[in-house]
Protein backbone atom coordinates (compact mmCIF):
# COMPACT_ATOMS: atom_id res chain seq x y z
CA UNK A 1 17.34 66.97 131.75
CA UNK A 2 20.99 66.30 132.38
CA UNK A 3 23.64 63.84 131.38
CA UNK A 4 25.44 63.90 134.49
CA UNK A 5 28.50 62.06 133.32
CA UNK A 6 28.80 65.53 130.85
CA UNK A 7 29.04 67.63 134.13
CA UNK A 8 32.11 68.83 135.54
CA UNK A 9 32.33 71.05 138.43
CA UNK A 10 30.74 74.32 137.58
CA UNK A 11 28.19 72.60 135.34
CA UNK A 12 27.11 70.91 137.83
CA UNK A 13 27.17 73.76 140.22
CA UNK A 14 24.96 75.49 137.54
CA UNK A 15 22.80 72.79 137.71
CA UNK A 16 22.01 72.43 141.30
CA UNK A 17 21.24 76.43 141.34
CA UNK A 18 18.66 75.70 138.24
CA UNK A 19 17.00 72.76 140.65
CA UNK A 20 17.08 74.79 143.38
CA UNK A 21 15.45 77.88 141.66
CA UNK A 22 12.52 75.40 140.47
CA UNK A 23 11.84 73.89 143.41
CA UNK A 24 12.41 70.55 141.53
CA UNK A 25 14.09 67.27 142.81
CA UNK A 26 16.35 65.20 140.11
CA UNK A 27 16.33 61.63 139.34
CA UNK A 28 18.91 59.31 138.00
CA UNK A 29 18.73 57.04 135.30
CA UNK A 30 21.14 55.91 133.14
CA UNK A 31 21.16 54.55 129.19
CA UNK A 32 20.31 52.31 128.05
CA UNK A 33 17.55 51.81 130.37
CA UNK A 34 17.05 47.81 129.18
CA UNK A 35 19.76 45.55 128.37
CA UNK A 36 20.39 45.00 124.41
CA UNK A 37 18.59 49.00 123.73
CA UNK A 38 22.02 49.60 121.29
CA UNK A 39 20.57 50.81 118.30
CA UNK A 40 19.30 54.68 117.60
CA UNK A 41 15.23 53.31 117.11
CA UNK A 42 15.57 51.37 120.25
CA UNK A 43 17.43 54.51 121.97
CA UNK A 44 14.98 57.12 120.91
CA UNK A 45 12.27 54.72 121.95
CA UNK A 46 13.73 54.67 125.60
CA UNK A 47 14.15 58.24 125.45
CA UNK A 48 9.91 58.80 124.53
CA UNK A 49 9.11 56.56 127.45
CA UNK A 50 11.50 58.90 129.12
CA UNK A 51 10.02 61.89 128.45
CA UNK A 52 6.57 60.85 129.03
CA UNK A 53 7.61 58.91 132.67
CA UNK A 54 8.93 62.47 133.98
CA UNK A 55 5.85 64.44 131.87
CA UNK A 56 2.79 62.53 132.20
CA UNK A 57 1.73 64.00 129.61
CA UNK A 58 2.20 63.80 125.90
CA UNK A 59 2.11 68.10 125.86
CA UNK A 60 4.84 68.22 128.00
CA UNK A 61 8.00 70.44 126.66
CA UNK A 62 11.29 68.70 128.14
CA UNK A 63 14.76 70.53 127.63
CA UNK A 64 18.36 68.82 127.38
CA UNK A 65 20.80 71.03 129.39
CA UNK A 66 23.80 69.12 128.19
CA UNK A 67 24.43 67.63 124.60
CA UNK A 68 22.51 64.69 123.29
CA UNK A 69 24.33 61.61 121.28
CA UNK A 70 24.20 61.86 117.89
CA UNK A 71 20.28 60.33 116.57
CA UNK A 72 18.36 60.85 119.46
CA UNK A 73 15.99 63.25 119.22
CA UNK A 74 12.21 63.74 120.19
CA UNK A 75 9.52 66.37 119.58
CA UNK A 76 8.77 67.35 122.91
CA UNK A 77 12.59 68.31 123.11
CA UNK A 78 13.00 72.01 123.39
CA UNK A 79 16.54 73.60 122.44
CA UNK A 80 17.58 75.80 125.26
CA UNK A 81 20.98 76.77 125.94
CA UNK A 82 23.08 74.28 127.40
CA UNK A 83 24.38 74.78 130.95
CA UNK A 84 28.27 74.88 129.28
CA UNK A 85 26.21 78.14 127.30
CA UNK A 86 25.63 79.64 130.16
CA UNK A 87 28.85 79.37 131.90
CA UNK A 88 30.59 80.79 128.98
CA UNK A 89 27.76 83.60 128.43
CA UNK A 90 25.65 84.88 131.12
CA UNK A 91 22.95 86.10 128.96
CA UNK A 92 22.17 82.75 128.22
CA UNK A 93 21.16 81.93 131.48
CA UNK A 94 18.27 84.68 131.11
CA UNK A 95 17.28 83.22 127.85
CA UNK A 96 16.59 80.23 129.40
CA UNK A 97 14.59 81.43 132.52
CA UNK A 98 13.00 83.33 129.47
CA UNK A 99 11.72 80.37 127.76
CA UNK A 100 10.90 78.18 131.03
CA UNK A 101 8.58 81.06 132.39
CA UNK A 102 6.44 81.02 129.64
């Protein structure tokens, strides 16, 4: 999961490379999903619904490759290197591949 508004040309290229390597297609959704969802509680409820929708399972792990807004959290979010961290330190790319290959 990435925030496309947070991408620059380099991080967008890296994101495209990752999606191609994993043979996944991208889907764009913007927050707030519903008008008026402007509290942390409602934002977290939206995130929970979104994670369930993309995973179609309560056990699916989701990685955020860009920073999430403060207060947004979900138990299925897995900490991985961000795209920006991978652009600065290539060793973090290897860490990501190791995490997603398990």
